[in-house]
Amino acid sequence: MSKNKLVYHFNTAAFLEVQNHSNGDWLQTTCNWFRSYAGNRRIGGETYEGPIFYEGTNYLYEGPLNGKIINIDEIDDVKSLKKVRKTTKFSHSNEWA
């Protein structure tokens, strides 16, 4: 895959947290893992319901919330994925419960 500049729809310098799927604790994380975490996320204590991306890509993840970092290596057909740009508007909410 080519190296593209990653898209962030949040302030990358903010206090970013993800919720541990097994015990419910909130853990501080990096902006790269935050954007690829398929679980509850918050910024500065406020719930964040933005897009989820496959790790290291601008491909949108539209699967279930499983409390894991989503990795693109598990996908056979990358061409079927939606690529996101900074100006992309999100009209779907299938990955947010």
C-alpha atoms as a PDB file:
ATOM      1  CA  MET A   1       0.000   0.000   0.000  1.00  0.00           C
ATOM      2  CA  SER A   2       1.119   3.510  -0.691  1.00  0.00           C
ATOM      3  CA  LYS A   3       1.941   5.911   2.114  1.00  0.00           C
ATOM      4  CA  ASN A   4      -0.896   8.406   2.428  1.00  0.00           C
ATOM      5  CA  LYS A   5      -1.266  11.151   4.981  1.00  0.00           C
ATOM      6  CA  LEU A   6      -3.625   9.823   7.648  1.00  0.00           C
ATOM      7  CA  VAL A   7      -6.942  11.610   8.155  1.00  0.00           C
ATOM      8  CA  TYR A   8      -7.907  12.667  11.672  1.00  0.00           C
ATOM      9  CA  HIS A   9     -11.398  13.952  12.507  1.00  0.00           C
ATOM     10  CA  PHE A  10     -10.387  14.991  16.027  1.00  0.00           C
ATOM     11  CA  ASN A  11      -7.701  17.004  17.784  1.00  0.00           C
ATOM     12  CA  THR A  12      -4.682  14.684  17.918  1.00  0.00           C
ATOM     13  CA  ALA A  13      -3.191  16.624  20.856  1.00  0.00           C
ATOM     14  CA  ALA A  14      -6.283  16.074  23.029  1.00  0.00           C
ATOM     15  CA  PHE A  15      -6.519  13.619  25.939  1.00  0.00           C
ATOM     16  CA  LEU A  16      -7.595  10.444  24.093  1.00  0.00           C
ATOM     17  CA  GLU A  17      -8.943   7.361  25.845  1.00  0.00           C
ATOM     18  CA  VAL A  18     -10.354   3.982  24.880  1.00  0.00           C
ATOM     19  CA  GLN A  19     -12.381   1.680  27.091  1.00  0.00           C
ATOM     20  CA  ASN A  20     -10.899  -1.719  27.903  1.00  0.00           C
ATOM     21  CA  HIS A  21     -13.411  -4.198  26.482  1.00  0.00           C
ATOM     22  CA  SER A  22     -12.827  -6.801  29.196  1.00  0.00           C
ATOM     23  CA  ASN A  23     -12.966  -4.759  32.413  1.00  0.00           C
ATOM     24  CA  GLY A  24     -14.403  -1.343  31.465  1.00  0.00           C
ATOM     25  CA  ASP A  25     -11.356   0.712  32.538  1.00  0.00           C
ATOM     26  CA  TRP A  26     -10.458   3.773  30.482  1.00  0.00           C
ATOM     27  CA  LEU A  27      -6.895   3.844  29.110  1.00  0.00           C
ATOM     28  CA  GLN A  28      -5.001   6.758  27.586  1.00  0.00           C
ATOM     29  CA  THR A  29      -3.881   6.007  24.041  1.00  0.00           C
ATOM     30  CA  THR A  30      -2.136   7.486  21.008  1.00  0.00           C
ATOM     31  CA  CYS A  31      -4.040   9.222  18.217  1.00  0.00           C
ATOM     32  CA  ASN A  32      -3.185   6.374  15.814  1.00  0.00           C
ATOM     33  CA  TRP A  33      -4.662   3.669  18.025  1.00  0.00           C
ATOM     34  CA  PHE A  34      -7.597   5.905  18.981  1.00  0.00           C
ATOM     35  CA  ARG A  35      -8.711   6.252  15.352  1.00  0.00           C
ATOM     36  CA  SER A  36      -8.501   2.451  14.849  1.00  0.00           C
ATOM     37  CA  TYR A  37     -10.135   1.253  18.070  1.00  0.00           C
ATOM     38  CA  ALA A  38     -13.484  -0.488  17.560  1.00  0.00           C
ATOM     39  CA  GLY A  39     -14.953   0.237  20.957  1.00  0.00           C
ATOM     40  CA  ASN A  40     -15.939   3.075  23.239  1.00  0.00           C
ATOM     41  CA  ARG A  41     -13.720   6.137  22.836  1.00  0.00           C
ATOM     42  CA  ARG A  42     -13.643   9.528  24.490  1.00  0.00           C
ATOM     43  CA  ILE A  43     -11.785  12.796  24.160  1.00  0.00           C
ATOM     44  CA  GLY A  44     -11.213  14.798  27.325  1.00  0.00           C
ATOM     45  CA  GLY A  45     -13.866  12.741  29.117  1.00  0.00           C
ATOM     46  CA  GLU A  46     -16.503  13.313  26.405  1.00  0.00           C
ATOM     47  CA  THR A  47     -17.825  10.402  24.311  1.00  0.00           C
ATOM     48  CA  TYR A  48     -16.481  10.357  20.749  1.00  0.00           C
ATOM     49  CA  GLU A  49     -18.612   8.801  18.014  1.00  0.00           C
ATOM     50  CA  GLY A  50     -16.490   9.448  14.956  1.00  0.00           C
ATOM     51  CA  PRO A  51     -15.313   7.151  12.174  1.00  0.00           C
ATOM     52  CA  ILE A  52     -13.173   4.084  12.821  1.00  0.00           C
ATOM     53  CA  PHE A  53     -10.299   3.358  10.426  1.00  0.00           C
ATOM     54  CA  TYR A  54      -8.199   0.303   9.730  1.00  0.00           C
ATOM     55  CA  GLU A  55      -4.854   0.826  11.470  1.00  0.00           C
ATOM     56  CA  GLY A  56      -2.400   2.896   9.422  1.00  0.00           C
ATOM     57  CA  THR A  57      -4.868   3.557   6.580  1.00  0.00           C
ATOM     58  CA  ASN A  58      -7.685   5.884   5.554  1.00  0.00           C
ATOM     59  CA  TYR A  59     -10.007   2.944   4.887  1.00  0.00           C
ATOM     60  CA  LEU A  60     -13.235   3.094   6.867  1.00  0.00           C
ATOM     61  CA  TYR A  61     -14.075   0.197   9.186  1.00  0.00           C
ATOM     62  CA  GLU A  62     -17.798  -0.581   9.182  1.00  0.00           C
ATOM     63  CA  GLY A  63     -17.879  -3.744  11.260  1.00  0.00           C
ATOM     64  CA  PRO A  64     -18.961  -4.504  14.810  1.00  0.00           C
ATOM     65  CA  LEU A  65     -17.505  -2.939  17.933  1.00  0.00           C
ATOM     66  CA  ASN A  66     -15.243  -5.634  19.342  1.00  0.00           C
ATOM     67  CA  GLY A  67     -12.886  -3.703  21.643  1.00  0.00           C
ATOM     68  CA  LYS A  68      -9.828  -4.237  19.432  1.00  0.00           C
ATOM     69  CA  ILE A  69      -7.481  -2.259  17.219  1.00  0.00           C
ATOM     70  CA  ILE A  70      -8.716  -2.968  13.693  1.00  0.00           C
ATOM     71  CA  ASN A  71      -6.029  -4.275  11.356  1.00  0.00           C
ATOM     72  CA  ILE A  72      -6.365  -4.368   7.568  1.00  0.00           C
ATOM     73  CA  ASP A  73      -4.276  -7.566   7.263  1.00  0.00           C
ATOM     74  CA  GLU A  74      -7.438  -9.564   8.004  1.00  0.00           C
ATOM     75  CA  ILE A  75      -9.190  -8.255   4.836  1.00  0.00           C
ATOM     76  CA  ASP A  76      -8.973 -10.214   1.583  1.00  0.00           C
ATOM     77  CA  ASP A  77     -10.524  -7.622  -0.762  1.00  0.00           C
ATOM     78  CA  VAL A  78      -9.185  -4.152   0.081  1.00  0.00           C
ATOM     79  CA  LYS A  79     -10.799  -2.732  -3.084  1.00  0.00           C
ATOM     80  CA  SER A  80     -14.236  -3.161  -1.498  1.00  0.00           C
ATOM     81  CA  LEU A  81     -13.397  -0.768   1.360  1.00  0.00           C
ATOM     82  CA  LYS A  82     -14.354   2.915   1.470  1.00  0.00           C
ATOM     83  CA  LYS A  83     -11.440   5.336   1.440  1.00  0.00           C
ATOM     84  CA  VAL A  84     -11.960   8.511   3.461  1.00  0.00           C
ATOM     85  CA  ARG A  85     -10.658  12.020   2.936  1.00  0.00           C
ATOM     86  CA  LYS A  86     -10.598  14.905   5.384  1.00  0.00           C
ATOM     87  CA  THR A  87     -13.691  16.401   3.726  1.00  0.00           C
ATOM     88  CA  THR A  88     -15.718  13.163   3.724  1.00  0.00           C
ATOM     89  CA  LYS A  89     -19.146  13.522   5.325  1.00  0.00           C
ATOM     90  CA  PHE A  90     -20.445  10.511   7.217  1.00  0.00           C
ATOM     91  CA  SER A  91     -24.056   9.583   6.527  1.00  0.00           C
ATOM     92  CA  HIS A  92     -23.969   6.153   8.134  1.00  0.00           C
ATOM     93  CA  SER A  93     -23.723   5.053  11.733  1.00  0.00           C
ATOM     94  CA  ASN A  94     -23.655   1.273  11.474  1.00  0.00           C
ATOM     95  CA  GLU A  95     -20.550   0.918  13.636  1.00  0.00           C
ATOM     96  CA  TRP A  96     -21.936   2.955  16.550  1.00  0.00           C
ATOM     97  CA  ALA A  97     -24.376   1.288  18.883  1.00  0.00           C
END
